[in-house]
Amino acid sequence: MSFSAPTQVVWWIAVIVGVLGILGTLVSIPVVSVYAFWLVAIGFILLAVATIVKGL
C-alpha cells in the first residue's frame, strides 16, 4: 500500500474540524460541545483516508 500526502484543502478542513472539537471540549459552545469527540474523530479519520486515497 502506497501512502500520499493529503491535499492542502483536505488538510485544512481536517485541522479546522479537529480544532473545533478540542475547543468544544474546553469551552462550552452550544452545538459544537455536544459533538466534540466526534469532531476530533472525524478530523483524524479524514486525514487517514486522505493519506490512503491518492489525490484526495
C-alpha atoms as a PDB file:
ATOM      1  CA  MET A   1       0.000   0.000   0.000  1.00  0.00           C
ATOM      2  CA  SER A   2       1.390   3.369  -1.017  1.00  0.00           C
ATOM      3  CA  PHE A   3       0.672   6.453   1.057  1.00  0.00           C
ATOM      4  CA  SER A   4       0.483  10.005  -0.226  1.00  0.00           C
ATOM      5  CA  ALA A   5       0.192  13.381   1.427  1.00  0.00           C
ATOM      6  CA  PRO A   6      -3.343  14.806   1.606  1.00  0.00           C
ATOM      7  CA  THR A   7      -4.089  17.913  -0.406  1.00  0.00           C
ATOM      8  CA  GLN A   8      -3.821  21.224   1.367  1.00  0.00           C
ATOM      9  CA  VAL A   9      -7.600  21.807   1.263  1.00  0.00           C
ATOM     10  CA  VAL A  10      -8.389  18.451   2.892  1.00  0.00           C
ATOM     11  CA  TRP A  11      -5.650  19.000   5.469  1.00  0.00           C
ATOM     12  CA  TRP A  12      -7.067  22.397   6.460  1.00  0.00           C
ATOM     13  CA  ILE A  13     -10.615  21.024   6.683  1.00  0.00           C
ATOM     14  CA  ALA A  14      -9.412  18.228   8.976  1.00  0.00           C
ATOM     15  CA  VAL A  15      -7.473  20.686  11.149  1.00  0.00           C
ATOM     16  CA  ILE A  16     -10.457  23.037  11.463  1.00  0.00           C
ATOM     17  CA  VAL A  17     -12.813  20.177  12.375  1.00  0.00           C
ATOM     18  CA  GLY A  18     -10.309  18.850  14.927  1.00  0.00           C
ATOM     19  CA  VAL A  19      -9.731  22.265  16.497  1.00  0.00           C
ATOM     20  CA  LEU A  20     -13.484  22.818  16.752  1.00  0.00           C
ATOM     21  CA  GLY A  21     -13.741  19.513  18.593  1.00  0.00           C
ATOM     22  CA  ILE A  22     -10.967  20.440  21.007  1.00  0.00           C
ATOM     23  CA  LEU A  23     -12.465  23.883  21.606  1.00  0.00           C
ATOM     24  CA  GLY A  24     -15.849  22.275  22.173  1.00  0.00           C
ATOM     25  CA  THR A  25     -14.297  20.248  24.973  1.00  0.00           C
ATOM     26  CA  LEU A  26     -12.555  23.188  26.617  1.00  0.00           C
ATOM     27  CA  VAL A  27     -15.220  25.877  26.114  1.00  0.00           C
ATOM     28  CA  SER A  28     -18.974  25.456  26.197  1.00  0.00           C
ATOM     29  CA  ILE A  29     -20.152  26.065  22.628  1.00  0.00           C
ATOM     30  CA  PRO A  30     -23.841  25.086  22.280  1.00  0.00           C
ATOM     31  CA  VAL A  31     -23.774  22.928  19.134  1.00  0.00           C
ATOM     32  CA  VAL A  32     -20.088  22.028  18.969  1.00  0.00           C
ATOM     33  CA  SER A  33     -19.660  20.851  22.581  1.00  0.00           C
ATOM     34  CA  VAL A  34     -22.247  18.100  22.146  1.00  0.00           C
ATOM     35  CA  TYR A  35     -20.289  16.563  19.264  1.00  0.00           C
ATOM     36  CA  ALA A  36     -16.736  17.447  20.391  1.00  0.00           C
ATOM     37  CA  PHE A  37     -15.448  13.863  20.493  1.00  0.00           C
ATOM     38  CA  TRP A  38     -16.930  13.038  17.112  1.00  0.00           C
ATOM     39  CA  LEU A  39     -15.495  16.169  15.513  1.00  0.00           C
ATOM     40  CA  VAL A  40     -11.982  15.199  16.598  1.00  0.00           C
ATOM     41  CA  ALA A  41     -12.569  11.616  15.445  1.00  0.00           C
ATOM     42  CA  ILE A  42     -13.838  12.822  12.046  1.00  0.00           C
ATOM     43  CA  GLY A  43     -10.784  15.060  11.658  1.00  0.00           C
ATOM     44  CA  PHE A  44      -8.417  12.137  12.271  1.00  0.00           C
ATOM     45  CA  ILE A  45     -10.403   9.789  10.022  1.00  0.00           C
ATOM     46  CA  LEU A  46     -10.425  12.399   7.252  1.00  0.00           C
ATOM     47  CA  LEU A  47      -6.649  12.701   7.452  1.00  0.00           C
ATOM     48  CA  ALA A  48      -6.228   8.929   7.424  1.00  0.00           C
ATOM     49  CA  VAL A  49      -8.481   8.478   4.396  1.00  0.00           C
ATOM     50  CA  ALA A  50      -6.798  11.347   2.554  1.00  0.00           C
ATOM     51  CA  THR A  51      -3.428   9.728   3.202  1.00  0.00           C
ATOM     52  CA  ILE A  52      -4.542   6.354   1.840  1.00  0.00           C
ATOM     53  CA  VAL A  53      -6.542   7.600  -1.178  1.00  0.00           C
ATOM     54  CA  LYS A  54      -4.256   9.150  -3.773  1.00  0.00           C
ATOM     55  CA  GLY A  55      -5.297  12.599  -4.983  1.00  0.00           C
ATOM     56  CA  LEU A  56      -7.637  13.391  -2.112  1.00  0.00           C
END
